[in-house]
Amino acid sequence: MPVTLTLSTVPGKLTREDRCTSKTIELFGPSLATETLTATSTVQDVKTAVARFGARVRAGHPDASFYVSVRLAKSCRKPNGYDAASSRNGFGQDDFLHVEDKRTRPAEPAAAPAAPLAA
C-alpha cells in the first residue's frame, strides 16, 4: 500500500569521542530542502527515497551537514519494519552528517627500559 512521506533536512553533526558517538541536531534550525513523495510502499523504497533526496541536497550544498527527517502522513500505515529501520539509521538518515573526531590520541609509547648493567 503506498504511503506519503515528507523528507526534510535538519542541520546537525556526529561527534566521535573515546567511548561513544553522539548526534547533535538542531530541531528548529533552518531546513535546506523539503520534499513530499507518494508511492513508496516498503522500507527499501523509503531508504531509496532518502538516498536520492540527500544526494540532491548534497549536490546543491556540498559543505552542509544535515540529518534527513522522515515523516509519514497521518492517514498512512507504516510499511513493515518501518519503526526498526527508523530507530537504527536503516533509512540512511545520518549518512549526510559530518563527523567530528574528538577522540584522544594515545600517547607515544614509552622508551624501553634500559637493560641492567652487569656487575
Protein backbone atom coordinates (compact mmCIF):
# COMPACT_ATOMS: atom_id res chain seq x y z
CA MET A 1 0.00 0.00 0.00
CA PRO A 2 1.55 3.35 -1.00
CA VAL A 3 2.43 5.86 1.68
CA THR A 4 3.07 9.59 1.59
CA LEU A 5 6.41 10.74 3.04
CA THR A 6 7.75 14.16 3.84
CA LEU A 7 11.54 14.36 3.76
CA SER A 8 13.34 17.40 5.12
CA THR A 9 16.83 18.33 6.24
CA VAL A 10 17.80 19.20 9.79
CA PRO A 11 21.26 20.74 10.50
CA GLY A 12 23.47 18.57 12.68
CA LYS A 13 26.70 16.64 13.15
CA LEU A 14 28.09 13.42 14.59
CA THR A 15 30.81 13.64 17.24
CA ARG A 16 33.10 10.67 17.91
CA GLU A 17 34.69 10.56 21.33
CA ASP A 18 36.72 7.90 23.11
CA ARG A 19 33.85 5.67 24.18
CA CYS A 20 30.83 6.97 22.30
CA THR A 21 29.45 8.69 19.24
CA SER A 22 26.83 11.39 19.74
CA LYS A 23 24.47 13.00 17.28
CA THR A 24 23.57 16.68 17.62
CA ILE A 25 20.71 18.03 15.53
CA GLU A 26 19.15 21.48 15.58
CA LEU A 27 15.44 20.72 15.70
CA PHE A 28 14.49 24.31 14.99
CA GLY A 29 17.40 25.02 12.64
CA PRO A 30 16.91 26.12 9.04
CA SER A 31 15.97 23.36 6.60
CA LEU A 32 17.84 23.28 3.28
CA ALA A 33 15.02 21.45 1.49
CA THR A 34 11.71 19.66 1.98
CA GLU A 35 10.03 17.22 -0.35
CA THR A 36 6.76 15.27 -0.19
CA LEU A 37 6.68 11.94 -2.01
CA THR A 38 3.95 9.43 -2.71
CA ALA A 39 4.04 5.81 -3.88
CA THR A 40 6.64 4.36 -1.56
CA SER A 41 5.44 1.13 -0.02
CA THR A 42 8.38 -0.72 1.55
CA VAL A 43 11.27 0.12 3.86
CA GLN A 44 13.64 -0.28 0.88
CA ASP A 45 11.58 2.30 -1.07
CA VAL A 46 11.90 4.73 1.84
CA LYS A 47 15.66 4.12 2.02
CA THR A 48 16.00 4.76 -1.73
CA ALA A 49 13.93 7.96 -1.46
CA VAL A 50 16.12 9.23 1.43
CA ALA A 51 19.32 8.49 -0.53
CA ARG A 52 18.07 10.31 -3.64
CA PHE A 53 16.80 13.29 -1.64
CA GLY A 54 20.04 13.54 0.36
CA ALA A 55 22.16 13.33 -2.79
CA ARG A 56 20.18 16.15 -4.44
CA VAL A 57 20.55 18.36 -1.35
CA ARG A 58 24.27 17.47 -1.04
CA ALA A 59 24.80 18.45 -4.70
CA GLY A 60 23.33 21.90 -4.01
CA HIS A 61 25.03 22.34 -0.63
CA PRO A 62 28.26 20.31 -0.67
CA ASP A 63 29.58 21.69 2.65
CA ALA A 64 26.34 21.30 4.61
CA SER A 65 25.98 18.75 7.40
CA PHE A 66 22.40 17.54 7.79
CA TYR A 67 20.14 14.79 9.03
CA VAL A 68 17.23 13.69 6.83
CA SER A 69 13.95 13.70 8.74
CA VAL A 70 11.38 11.16 7.51
CA ARG A 71 7.71 11.74 8.39
CA LEU A 72 4.68 9.78 7.28
CA ALA A 73 1.36 11.47 6.51
CA LYS A 74 -1.19 10.97 9.31
CA SER A 75 -3.52 8.77 7.29
CA CYS A 76 -0.80 6.36 6.08
CA ARG A 77 0.09 2.97 7.53
CA LYS A 78 3.74 2.32 8.21
CA PRO A 79 5.44 -0.27 5.98
CA ASN A 80 6.53 -3.48 7.75
CA GLY A 81 9.83 -2.85 9.54
CA TYR A 82 9.49 0.96 9.46
CA ASP A 83 9.94 1.52 13.22
CA ALA A 84 13.00 -0.72 13.47
CA ALA A 85 14.64 0.89 10.43
CA SER A 86 13.85 4.40 11.64
CA SER A 87 15.40 3.86 15.06
CA ARG A 88 18.71 2.43 13.79
CA ASN A 89 19.51 4.65 10.78
CA GLY A 90 18.04 1.99 8.49
CA PHE A 91 16.94 4.67 6.02
CA GLY A 92 20.38 6.33 5.87
CA GLN A 93 19.18 9.47 7.65
CA ASP A 94 22.61 10.02 9.23
CA ASP A 95 24.61 9.47 6.03
CA PHE A 96 24.80 13.22 5.30
CA LEU A 97 26.07 14.32 8.73
CA HIS A 98 29.69 15.45 9.00
CA VAL A 99 31.75 13.58 11.59
CA GLU A 100 33.83 15.48 14.12
CA ASP A 101 36.54 13.33 15.69
CA LYS A 102 37.29 14.26 19.30
CA ARG A 103 38.99 11.02 20.28
CA THR A 104 42.17 11.49 22.25
CA ARG A 105 45.24 10.08 20.60
CA PRO A 106 47.25 7.55 22.57
CA ALA A 107 50.49 8.90 23.99
CA GLU A 108 53.74 7.99 22.29
CA PRO A 109 54.99 4.62 23.54
CA ALA A 110 57.48 4.97 26.36
CA ALA A 111 61.08 4.10 25.59
CA ALA A 112 62.05 0.58 26.56
CA PRO A 113 63.72 0.44 29.94
CA ALA A 114 67.50 0.18 29.78
CA ALA A 115 68.96 -3.24 30.47
CA PRO A 116 70.58 -3.51 33.89
CA LEU A 117 74.34 -3.13 33.89
CA ALA A 118 76.36 -6.27 34.51
CA ALA A 119 78.42 -6.21 37.68
